[in-house]
Protein backbone atom coordinates (compact mmCIF):
# COMPACT_ATOMS: atom_id res chain seq x y z
CA UNK A 1 59.92 57.87 5.21
CA UNK A 2 58.72 55.50 7.97
CA UNK A 3 60.03 55.88 11.51
CA UNK A 4 59.71 53.52 14.51
CA UNK A 5 57.43 54.75 17.28
CA UNK A 6 59.32 52.63 19.82
CA UNK A 7 63.04 52.60 20.48
CA UNK A 8 65.12 49.45 20.28
CA UNK A 9 65.23 49.22 24.10
CA UNK A 10 61.44 49.52 24.34
CA UNK A 11 60.92 46.85 21.68
CA UNK A 12 63.32 44.53 23.51
CA UNK A 13 61.53 45.09 26.84
CA UNK A 14 58.13 44.46 25.17
CA UNK A 15 59.37 41.20 23.66
CA UNK A 16 60.72 40.02 27.03
CA UNK A 17 57.40 40.87 28.72
CA UNK A 18 55.49 38.84 26.15
CA UNK A 19 57.85 35.88 26.55
CA UNK A 20 57.74 35.75 30.36
CA UNK A 21 53.95 36.38 30.51
CA UNK A 22 54.11 39.66 32.38
CA UNK A 23 52.38 41.40 29.46
CA UNK A 24 48.95 40.02 28.43
CA UNK A 25 48.63 39.43 24.72
CA UNK A 26 44.90 38.51 24.52
CA UNK A 27 43.48 41.91 25.43
CA UNK A 28 41.37 43.86 22.96
CA UNK A 29 40.09 40.76 21.13
CA UNK A 30 37.28 38.24 21.79
CA UNK A 31 39.40 35.11 21.78
CA UNK A 32 36.48 32.96 22.97
CA UNK A 33 34.45 33.63 19.81
CA UNK A 34 33.84 30.70 17.47
CA UNK A 35 33.13 30.86 13.76
CA UNK A 36 30.00 29.26 12.35
CA UNK A 37 29.52 28.93 8.59
CA UNK A 38 26.39 30.55 7.21
CA UNK A 39 25.20 29.94 3.66
CA UNK A 40 23.08 32.84 2.46
CA UNK A 41 22.00 30.84 -0.59
CA UNK A 42 20.50 28.08 1.55
CA UNK A 43 16.79 28.66 2.16
CA UNK A 44 16.81 26.62 5.38
CA UNK A 45 19.49 28.86 6.84
CA UNK A 46 17.27 31.95 6.69
CA UNK A 47 13.64 30.90 7.07
CA UNK A 48 13.79 27.23 7.92
CA UNK A 49 11.17 26.22 5.32
CA UNK A 50 11.15 22.47 4.74
CA UNK A 51 11.13 22.07 0.97
CA UNK A 52 10.62 18.31 1.35
CA UNK A 53 7.21 19.01 2.86
CA UNK A 54 6.26 21.18 -0.12
CA UNK A 55 7.16 18.29 -2.42
CA UNK A 56 4.99 15.92 -0.39
CA UNK A 57 2.11 18.42 -0.60
CA UNK A 58 2.61 18.54 -4.37
CA UNK A 59 2.46 14.74 -4.65
CA UNK A 60 -0.83 14.67 -2.81
CA UNK A 61 -2.11 17.58 -4.90
CA UNK A 62 -1.37 15.73 -8.14
CA UNK A 63 -3.41 12.69 -7.13
CA UNK A 64 -6.49 14.76 -6.33
CA UNK A 65 -6.05 17.20 -9.23
CA UNK A 66 -5.71 14.44 -11.83
CA UNK A 67 -8.84 12.62 -10.68
CA UNK A 68 -10.85 15.86 -10.57
CA UNK A 69 -9.76 16.82 -14.09
CA UNK A 70 -10.95 13.46 -15.35
CA UNK A 71 -14.43 14.22 -14.00
CA UNK A 72 -14.84 17.49 -15.91
CA UNK A 73 -12.74 16.84 -19.03
CA UNK A 74 -13.34 13.08 -19.44
CA UNK A 75 -9.61 12.69 -19.94
CA UNK A 76 -6.76 11.81 -17.61
CA UNK A 77 -3.58 13.75 -18.44
CA UNK A 78 -0.26 12.62 -17.04
CA UNK A 79 1.07 15.14 -14.51
CA UNK A 80 4.69 15.05 -13.39
CA UNK A 81 6.03 17.38 -10.69
CA UNK A 82 9.41 19.00 -11.13
CA UNK A 83 11.70 19.46 -8.14
CA UNK A 84 10.63 22.42 -6.03
CA UNK A 85 12.95 25.36 -6.69
CA UNK A 86 13.90 28.48 -4.75
CA UNK A 87 14.43 31.28 -7.26
CA UNK A 88 14.39 35.04 -7.40
CA UNK A 89 11.13 36.37 -8.71
CA UNK A 90 12.87 38.43 -11.39
CA UNK A 91 14.72 35.37 -12.70
CA UNK A 92 11.47 33.41 -12.85
CA UNK A 93 9.75 36.12 -14.90
CA UNK A 94 12.60 36.17 -17.45
CA UNK A 95 11.77 32.62 -18.57
CA UNK A 96 8.08 33.35 -19.22
CA UNK A 97 6.75 34.54 -22.57
CA UNK A 98 3.20 35.87 -23.03
CA UNK A 99 0.48 35.09 -23.69
CA UNK A 100 -0.05 32.97 -20.60
CA UNK A 101 -2.93 32.52 -18.21
CA UNK A 102 -1.42 34.35 -15.24
CA UNK A 103 -3.72 34.23 -12.21
CA UNK A 104 -2.96 36.07 -8.98
CA UNK A 105 -4.57 34.29 -6.04
CA UNK A 106 -4.92 34.78 -2.31
CA UNK A 107 -4.42 31.82 0.02
CA UNK A 108 -6.04 32.82 3.30
CA UNK A 109 -4.78 32.93 6.03
CA UNK A 110 -1.32 33.08 4.40
CA UNK A 111 -0.31 36.66 3.79
CA UNK A 112 0.44 38.10 0.39
CA UNK A 113 -0.59 36.83 -3.03
CA UNK A 114 0.54 33.73 -4.89
CA UNK A 115 0.57 32.94 -8.58
CA UNK A 116 -0.90 30.21 -10.79
CA UNK A 117 0.47 30.26 -14.35
CA UNK A 118 -1.14 28.05 -17.00
CA UNK A 119 0.49 27.55 -20.39
CA UNK A 120 -1.87 28.07 -23.37
CA UNK A 121 -1.35 24.48 -24.60
CA UNK A 122 -3.08 23.21 -21.45
CA UNK A 123 -6.00 25.58 -22.09
CA UNK A 124 -6.41 24.45 -25.72
CA UNK A 125 -6.06 20.75 -24.90
CA UNK A 126 -8.59 21.07 -22.07
CA UNK A 127 -10.97 22.93 -24.37
CA UNK A 128 -10.72 20.19 -26.99
CA UNK A 129 -11.28 17.46 -24.41
CA UNK A 130 -14.25 19.28 -22.87
CA UNK A 131 -16.06 19.32 -26.20
CA UNK A 132 -15.40 15.64 -26.89
CA UNK A 133 -12.04 15.77 -28.66
CA UNK A 134 -8.83 13.92 -27.90
CA UNK A 135 -6.88 16.76 -26.28
CA UNK A 136 -5.25 17.91 -29.53
CA UNK A 137 -5.74 21.65 -29.17
CA UNK A 138 -4.22 24.27 -31.46
CA UNK A 139 -0.58 24.64 -30.45
CA UNK A 140 0.44 27.18 -33.08
CA UNK A 141 2.52 30.13 -31.90
CA UNK A 142 0.35 32.91 -30.50
CA UNK A 143 1.04 36.64 -30.80
CA UNK A 144 2.17 38.19 -27.48
CA UNK A 145 -0.95 40.35 -27.14
CA UNK A 146 -3.48 37.64 -27.97
CA UNK A 147 -6.30 37.54 -25.37
CA UNK A 148 -8.18 34.44 -24.34
CA UNK A 149 -11.68 34.15 -25.72
CA UNK A 150 -14.68 33.95 -23.32
CA UNK A 151 -14.90 30.20 -23.95
CA UNK A 152 -11.22 29.70 -23.23
CA UNK A 153 -11.51 31.84 -20.11
CA UNK A 154 -14.40 29.67 -18.96
CA UNK A 155 -12.19 26.58 -19.33
CA UNK A 156 -9.44 28.37 -17.38
CA UNK A 157 -11.89 29.11 -14.55
CA UNK A 158 -12.97 25.45 -14.48
CA UNK A 159 -9.36 24.30 -14.26
CA UNK A 160 -8.71 26.85 -11.49
CA UNK A 161 -11.73 25.62 -9.50
CA UNK A 162 -10.39 22.07 -9.65
CA UNK A 163 -6.90 23.37 -8.85
CA UNK A 164 -8.13 25.17 -5.72
CA UNK A 165 -10.04 22.15 -4.41
CA UNK A 166 -7.09 19.81 -4.94
CA UNK A 167 -4.62 22.22 -3.36
CA UNK A 168 -6.91 22.74 -0.37
CA UNK A 169 -7.01 18.97 0.22
CA UNK A 170 -3.25 18.74 -0.19
CA UNK A 171 -2.63 21.42 2.45
CA UNK A 172 -5.30 20.11 4.84
CA UNK A 173 -2.87 18.10 7.05
CA UNK A 174 -0.84 21.30 7.56
CA UNK A 175 -3.34 24.16 7.64
CA UNK A 176 -6.82 24.92 6.32
CA UNK A 177 -6.64 27.28 3.33
CA UNK A 178 -9.31 29.24 1.46
CA UNK A 179 -8.55 30.34 -2.09
CA UNK A 180 -9.62 33.50 -3.84
CA UNK A 181 -8.91 34.62 -7.41
CA UNK A 182 -7.64 38.22 -7.24
CA UNK A 183 -6.92 39.00 -10.90
CA UNK A 184 -5.99 37.45 -14.25
CA UNK A 185 -3.45 38.64 -16.82
CA UNK A 186 -1.79 37.39 -19.99
CA UNK A 187 1.57 39.03 -19.23
CA UNK A 188 3.37 37.87 -16.07
CA UNK A 189 5.13 41.22 -15.79
CA UNK A 190 1.85 42.72 -14.59
CA UNK A 191 1.47 40.20 -11.73
CA UNK A 192 3.79 41.57 -9.09
CA UNK A 193 3.49 39.27 -6.08
CA UNK A 194 7.05 40.13 -4.97
CA UNK A 195 9.99 42.38 -5.80
CA UNK A 196 12.45 41.19 -8.42
CA UNK A 197 15.10 40.29 -5.83
CA UNK A 198 12.68 38.53 -3.47
CA UNK A 199 12.76 34.74 -3.24
CA UNK A 200 9.79 32.66 -4.34
CA UNK A 201 9.04 28.92 -4.17
CA UNK A 202 8.33 27.50 -7.60
CA UNK A 203 6.37 24.27 -8.07
CA UNK A 204 6.11 23.34 -11.76
CA UNK A 205 3.81 20.56 -12.94
CA UNK A 206 4.49 19.16 -16.41
CA UNK A 207 1.36 17.78 -18.11
CA UNK A 208 1.20 15.31 -20.97
CA UNK A 209 -1.95 14.34 -22.87
CA UNK A 210 -2.59 11.19 -24.86
CA UNK A 211 -1.47 13.03 -27.98
CA UNK A 212 2.04 13.41 -26.49
CA UNK A 213 1.51 17.17 -26.18
CA UNK A 214 3.09 18.77 -23.14
CA UNK A 215 2.59 21.94 -21.17
CA UNK A 216 3.31 23.33 -17.74
CA UNK A 217 1.33 24.69 -14.85
CA UNK A 218 3.23 26.73 -12.24
CA UNK A 219 2.36 27.46 -8.63
CA UNK A 220 4.48 30.24 -7.14
CA UNK A 221 4.53 31.06 -3.41
CA UNK A 222 6.27 34.17 -2.07
CA UNK A 223 8.90 32.92 0.32
CA UNK A 224 7.75 35.22 3.10
CA UNK A 225 4.18 33.88 2.86
CA UNK A 226 5.30 30.56 4.35
CA UNK A 227 7.00 32.10 7.41
CA UNK A 228 3.96 31.63 9.69
CA UNK A 229 3.78 27.89 8.91
CA UNK A 230 7.48 27.05 8.73
CA UNK A 231 7.35 25.17 12.03
CA UNK A 232 4.50 23.04 10.71
CA UNK A 233 6.41 22.39 7.50
CA UNK A 234 9.47 21.32 9.51
CA UNK A 235 7.43 18.53 11.03
CA UNK A 236 6.68 17.35 7.46
CA UNK A 237 3.40 15.99 6.16
CA UNK A 238 1.81 12.65 6.91
CA UNK A 239 1.21 10.51 3.87
CA UNK A 240 -2.31 9.56 4.92
CA UNK A 241 -5.37 11.61 4.06
CA UNK A 242 -6.59 11.79 7.65
CA UNK A 243 -9.79 9.88 6.82
CA UNK A 244 -10.16 7.02 9.31
CA UNK A 245 -13.22 5.64 7.56
CA UNK A 246 -11.33 5.50 4.26
CA UNK A 247 -8.38 3.76 5.96
CA UNK A 248 -10.70 1.16 7.52
CA UNK A 249 -12.36 0.46 4.18
CA UNK A 250 -8.97 0.06 2.52
CA UNK A 251 -7.81 -2.39 5.20
CA UNK A 252 -11.02 -4.42 4.91
CA UNK A 253 -10.71 -4.63 1.13
CA UNK A 254 -7.06 -5.64 1.38
CA UNK A 255 -7.90 -8.31 3.96
CA UNK A 256 -10.65 -9.68 1.69
CA UNK A 257 -8.32 -9.76 -1.31
CA UNK A 258 -5.56 -11.51 0.64
CA UNK A 259 -8.02 -13.96 2.18
CA UNK A 260 -9.13 -15.12 -1.28
CA UNK A 261 -5.56 -15.86 -2.43
CA UNK A 262 -4.77 -19.46 -3.40
CA UNK A 263 -2.00 -21.37 -1.61
CA UNK A 264 -0.46 -24.78 -2.29
CA UNK A 265 -0.16 -26.71 0.99
CA UNK A 266 1.82 -29.91 1.58
CA UNK A 267 1.77 -32.33 4.52
CA UNK A 268 5.21 -33.54 5.60
CA UNK A 269 5.01 -36.97 7.32
CA UNK A 270 8.66 -37.06 8.29
CA UNK A 271 12.25 -36.29 7.34
CA UNK A 272 15.36 -38.43 6.91
CA UNK A 273 18.99 -37.39 7.31
CA UNK A 274 21.33 -39.11 4.87
CA UNK A 275 24.33 -38.49 2.63
CA UNK A 276 24.80 -38.01 -1.09
CA UNK A 277 26.84 -41.24 -1.24
CA UNK A 278 23.91 -43.27 0.16
CA UNK A 279 21.49 -41.69 -2.30
CA UNK A 280 23.80 -42.45 -5.22
CA UNK A 281 23.98 -46.15 -4.31
CA UNK A 282 20.24 -46.67 -3.79
CA UNK A 283 18.41 -49.08 -6.11
CA UNK A 284 14.70 -49.73 -6.80
CA UNK A 285 13.27 -51.81 -3.98
CA UNK A 286 15.54 -50.40 -1.26
CA UNK A 287 13.73 -49.53 1.97
CA UNK A 288 14.27 -46.38 4.00
CA UNK A 289 13.61 -46.66 7.71
CA UNK A 290 12.73 -43.66 9.84
CA UNK A 291 10.84 -42.94 13.03
CA UNK A 292 7.41 -41.53 12.24
CA UNK A 293 6.69 -38.44 14.38
CA UNK A 294 3.53 -38.19 16.41
CA UNK A 295 2.29 -35.26 14.31
CA UNK A 296 2.78 -34.32 10.68
CA UNK A 297 3.49 -30.75 9.55
CA UNK A 298 1.18 -28.75 7.27
CA UNK A 299 3.22 -26.31 5.17
CA UNK A 300 1.47 -23.72 2.97
CA UNK A 301 3.95 -22.57 0.29
CA UNK A 302 6.73 -24.40 2.15
CA UNK A 303 6.25 -22.49 5.42
CA UNK A 304 5.54 -24.64 8.53
CA UNK A 305 2.17 -23.50 9.83
CA UNK A 306 0.36 -26.32 11.73
CA UNK A 307 1.03 -29.63 13.46
CA UNK A 308 -1.66 -32.06 12.24
CA UNK A 309 -2.97 -35.62 12.67
CA UNK A 310 -3.26 -37.78 9.53
CA UNK A 311 -6.55 -39.62 9.02
CA UNK A 312 -9.45 -40.19 6.66
CA UNK A 313 -12.84 -38.60 6.15
CA UNK A 314 -15.05 -40.84 4.05
CA UNK A 315 -13.06 -41.78 0.99
CA UNK A 316 -10.68 -38.81 1.36
CA UNK A 317 -7.39 -38.63 3.20
CA UNK A 318 -7.61 -35.74 5.67
CA UNK A 319 -5.68 -33.91 8.34
CA UNK A 320 -6.86 -32.53 11.67
CA UNK A 321 -5.08 -29.44 13.01
CA UNK A 322 -3.67 -29.98 16.48
CA UNK A 323 -1.86 -26.66 17.02
CA UNK A 324 -0.34 -23.78 15.11
CA UNK A 325 3.38 -23.19 14.65
CA UNK A 326 4.53 -19.66 15.31
CA UNK A 327 7.20 -18.09 13.07
CA UNK A 328 10.64 -19.20 14.17
CA UNK A 329 9.44 -22.57 15.39
CA UNK A 330 7.82 -21.48 18.69
CA UNK A 331 4.43 -23.07 19.36
């Protein structure tokens, strides 16, 4: 049975003290504290890694990787990046089924190991292309314990070499990386680069050959490996390749191509202001009077560009440029 600790008189006196302000009511609590929402599922809330920068790195990687594959395989597969995902390592492993080419790599100076997973269809298609085929490798279901042959492993190593060079170029604007192959497996369960509950950054690249055969290639970073460079990733990645000589050559070639473009130019001798009614009543033989300006206007593709004098040169009618017309009409 509940009993009141205070009497009725005490409760009445306490209420009066609260009403007249003689008793403070904000003691014992931090009334100045403010609440700030925190989303534990948001990667930027914890580590501040800019996923947009990872996607830009992947786009640059694809360009270099595709061209390098064409040099060694004599084929140019289509490579499409999926959206970069933040997943738990255990959840990622659940979706993988051996045999796969699972390669644990070290990306110095980033700490920890990363993972490159190559689907067997990519290995078989690359093997077929390397020996002069059309990228139509054997895509039959493989037993879980099936090992890659020495020839297939050689193709895998060639693809990894190209992969490392392309990824090094892609990361160059952020940080210089050196790649090292630590170990290779066929079962991803044996490649423990993180605990099951740890977050990883998954970049999946879907490949498609001319035979409409698809496969995937995964690059998996441990989330904690990117902590040292998160400030650099926040500043994002420049779209250029950092090669000034290449940029100059590109500008020169573009200028040459534009300079050789054909334009249709007209010379306007003068203009007349009139009405539709006057035009409708005009007959053959009518004369239009207007004051001829001192200079005509040369208009390439209808854009006023130069004030010119009208004259002749031999048997040809010609114009002589007097001055240029700036955009907007200023001279």
